[in-house]
Amino acid sequence: MSSCRLMKTALRRSLTRSGATENEVNMVYESIKTSVYDGISTKELYEMAFNALRGKKNSYAARYSLKKAIRELGPEGFYFEKWIARLFQEDGYEAITGQTVQGHAVSHEIDVVAVKGNEMLAVECKFRNDADAKISVTTPMYFKSRKEDITGISYNFFNQKP
């Protein structure tokens, strides 16, 4: 299968994930397919698809570009953590980033602490601005041991001890 054909298949799949209907995906695909060529850069293909999709419905284009927009928060994870905290705030939580707490054994930095009622969440954010980057299985295992180290200790966040 040629790289152009693979790219067209990936393009249709990504357009579908944006929320567009099959008919809308077909219309967008038909409107740009004559401009797609072997060796086209992913960036150029994305721009064509984004512009065509935006012409159909802005909410699809927004979802289509969300992953790209999140990657542009980098190269470091600081702004991604701020964005995650803001999402919790939009859901009624009080949220703060970059908190250091003392566990039973060692101190830990928590990327986002979110509190709503008696519920307190400790959030570990992993930001990768490389679309192909993977998170190792050791990361959730490490976070699990951190959670166990801080469980059972009362912490004061937002003038309360949830």
Protein backbone atom coordinates (compact mmCIF):
# COMPACT_ATOMS: atom_id res chain seq x y z
CA MET A 1 0.00 0.00 0.00
CA SER A 2 1.45 3.40 -0.95
CA SER A 3 2.23 6.01 1.69
CA CYS A 4 -0.36 8.29 0.06
CA ARG A 5 -3.03 5.59 0.43
CA LEU A 6 -2.08 4.99 4.07
CA MET A 7 -2.23 8.72 4.73
CA LYS A 8 -5.69 8.96 3.14
CA THR A 9 -6.91 6.10 5.36
CA ALA A 10 -5.46 7.81 8.45
CA LEU A 11 -7.04 11.10 7.36
CA ARG A 12 -10.53 9.57 7.07
CA ARG A 13 -10.11 7.94 10.49
CA SER A 14 -9.00 11.20 12.13
CA LEU A 15 -11.86 13.12 10.53
CA THR A 16 -14.30 10.53 11.89
CA ARG A 17 -12.82 10.91 15.40
CA SER A 18 -13.53 14.65 15.21
CA GLY A 19 -17.24 13.83 15.47
CA ALA A 20 -18.12 14.45 11.86
CA THR A 21 -20.69 12.14 10.33
CA GLU A 22 -19.68 9.66 7.63
CA ASN A 23 -21.34 11.89 5.03
CA GLU A 24 -19.44 14.96 6.27
CA VAL A 25 -16.16 13.00 6.32
CA ASN A 26 -16.81 11.96 2.72
CA MET A 27 -17.55 15.55 1.70
CA VAL A 28 -14.38 16.88 3.37
CA TYR A 29 -12.33 14.04 1.94
CA GLU A 30 -13.71 14.61 -1.56
CA SER A 31 -12.95 18.33 -1.32
CA ILE A 32 -9.26 17.78 -0.57
CA LYS A 33 -8.40 14.41 -2.14
CA THR A 34 -7.19 15.88 -5.43
CA SER A 35 -4.66 17.97 -3.47
CA VAL A 36 -3.23 14.95 -1.62
CA TYR A 37 -0.05 13.57 -3.14
CA ASP A 38 2.69 11.06 -2.30
CA GLY A 39 5.13 12.72 0.08
CA ILE A 40 2.67 15.32 1.40
CA SER A 41 3.66 16.40 4.90
CA THR A 42 1.37 15.57 7.78
CA LYS A 43 1.24 19.29 8.60
CA GLU A 44 0.08 20.23 5.11
CA LEU A 45 -2.54 17.47 5.09
CA TYR A 46 -3.75 18.51 8.54
CA GLU A 47 -4.11 22.16 7.41
CA MET A 48 -6.16 21.19 4.36
CA ALA A 49 -8.41 18.88 6.39
CA PHE A 50 -8.80 21.40 9.20
CA ASN A 51 -9.84 24.17 6.81
CA ALA A 52 -12.30 21.93 4.99
CA LEU A 53 -13.72 20.61 8.26
CA ARG A 54 -14.09 24.11 9.66
CA GLY A 55 -16.21 24.90 6.61
CA LYS A 56 -18.60 22.11 7.67
CA LYS A 57 -18.85 22.80 11.40
CA ASN A 58 -16.57 24.70 13.78
CA SER A 59 -17.03 22.23 16.67
CA TYR A 60 -15.63 19.41 14.52
CA ALA A 61 -12.64 21.54 13.60
CA ALA A 62 -12.08 22.37 17.26
CA ARG A 63 -12.03 18.69 18.22
CA TYR A 64 -9.84 17.89 15.22
CA SER A 65 -7.29 20.47 16.31
CA LEU A 66 -7.43 19.79 20.09
CA LYS A 67 -4.53 17.33 20.12
CA LYS A 68 -2.40 19.77 18.13
CA ALA A 69 -3.36 22.64 20.43
CA ILE A 70 -2.47 20.62 23.53
CA ARG A 71 0.93 19.73 22.07
CA GLU A 72 1.54 23.43 21.47
CA LEU A 73 1.24 24.04 25.23
CA GLY A 74 4.77 22.60 25.55
CA PRO A 75 7.59 21.89 25.40
CA GLU A 76 7.30 21.55 29.19
CA GLY A 77 4.28 20.20 31.10
CA PHE A 78 3.72 23.31 33.26
CA TYR A 79 0.99 24.82 31.07
CA PHE A 80 -0.63 21.43 30.54
CA GLU A 81 -0.94 21.04 34.33
CA LYS A 82 -2.51 24.52 34.53
CA TRP A 83 -4.97 23.53 31.81
CA ILE A 84 -5.91 20.30 33.62
CA ALA A 85 -6.50 22.27 36.84
CA ARG A 86 -8.72 24.66 34.90
CA LEU A 87 -10.79 21.74 33.58
CA PHE A 88 -11.41 20.61 37.16
CA GLN A 89 -12.36 24.18 38.14
CA GLU A 90 -14.89 24.26 35.31
CA ASP A 91 -16.40 21.12 36.84
CA GLY A 92 -16.86 22.79 40.24
CA TYR A 93 -13.60 21.75 41.91
CA GLU A 94 -11.12 24.01 43.59
CA ALA A 95 -7.81 23.14 41.97
CA ILE A 96 -4.17 24.09 42.39
CA THR A 97 -0.96 22.96 40.72
CA GLY A 98 2.55 22.09 41.85
CA GLN A 99 1.92 21.18 45.49
CA THR A 100 4.53 19.40 47.61
CA VAL A 101 3.24 17.22 50.44
CA GLN A 102 5.01 15.14 53.04
CA GLY A 103 4.14 11.45 52.88
CA HIS A 104 4.79 8.80 55.51
CA ALA A 105 8.22 8.14 53.98
CA VAL A 106 9.19 10.98 51.62
CA SER A 107 7.84 14.24 50.21
CA HIS A 108 6.02 14.25 46.87
CA GLU A 109 5.12 16.87 44.30
CA ILE A 110 1.53 16.57 43.12
CA ASP A 111 0.87 18.10 39.72
CA VAL A 112 -2.79 18.99 40.40
CA VAL A 113 -4.76 18.85 43.63
CA ALA A 114 -8.51 19.13 43.10
CA VAL A 115 -11.07 19.35 45.91
CA LYS A 116 -14.85 19.19 45.72
CA GLY A 117 -16.83 18.58 48.91
CA ASN A 118 -15.10 15.80 50.84
CA GLU A 119 -13.37 14.46 47.73
CA MET A 120 -9.70 15.26 47.17
CA LEU A 121 -7.94 14.20 43.98
CA ALA A 122 -4.19 14.00 43.45
CA VAL A 123 -3.48 14.17 39.73
CA GLU A 124 -0.26 13.16 37.98
CA CYS A 125 -0.04 14.80 34.56
CA LYS A 126 2.17 13.45 31.81
CA PHE A 127 2.65 15.78 28.89
CA ARG A 128 4.26 14.71 25.64
CA ASN A 129 4.41 17.13 22.75
CA ASP A 130 5.69 14.34 20.52
CA ALA A 131 2.66 12.51 19.14
CA ASP A 132 4.53 9.18 19.14
CA ALA A 133 5.90 9.40 22.70
CA LYS A 134 4.76 6.72 25.12
CA ILE A 135 4.43 6.69 28.89
CA SER A 136 6.18 3.76 30.54
CA VAL A 137 4.25 1.32 32.75
CA THR A 138 6.57 2.37 35.58
CA THR A 139 4.85 5.77 35.69
CA PRO A 140 1.46 4.57 37.01
CA MET A 141 3.23 2.12 39.32
CA TYR A 142 5.31 4.97 40.74
CA PHE A 143 2.18 7.09 41.19
CA LYS A 144 0.41 4.19 42.93
CA SER A 145 3.23 3.96 45.47
CA ARG A 146 3.10 7.75 45.95
CA LYS A 147 -0.66 7.53 46.57
CA GLU A 148 -0.10 4.84 49.18
CA ASP A 149 2.57 6.98 50.88
CA ILE A 150 0.25 10.01 51.22
CA THR A 151 -2.96 8.09 52.08
CA GLY A 152 -4.15 8.52 55.65
CA ILE A 153 -2.48 11.90 56.18
CA SER A 154 -4.60 15.01 56.53
CA TYR A 155 -3.53 17.84 54.22
CA ASN A 156 -4.79 21.41 54.30
CA PHE A 157 -5.87 22.63 50.88
CA PHE A 158 -8.20 25.59 50.32
CA ASN A 159 -8.56 26.10 54.10
CA GLN A 160 -10.05 22.67 54.57
CA LYS A 161 -8.81 19.16 55.28
CA PRO A 162 -10.69 16.82 52.96
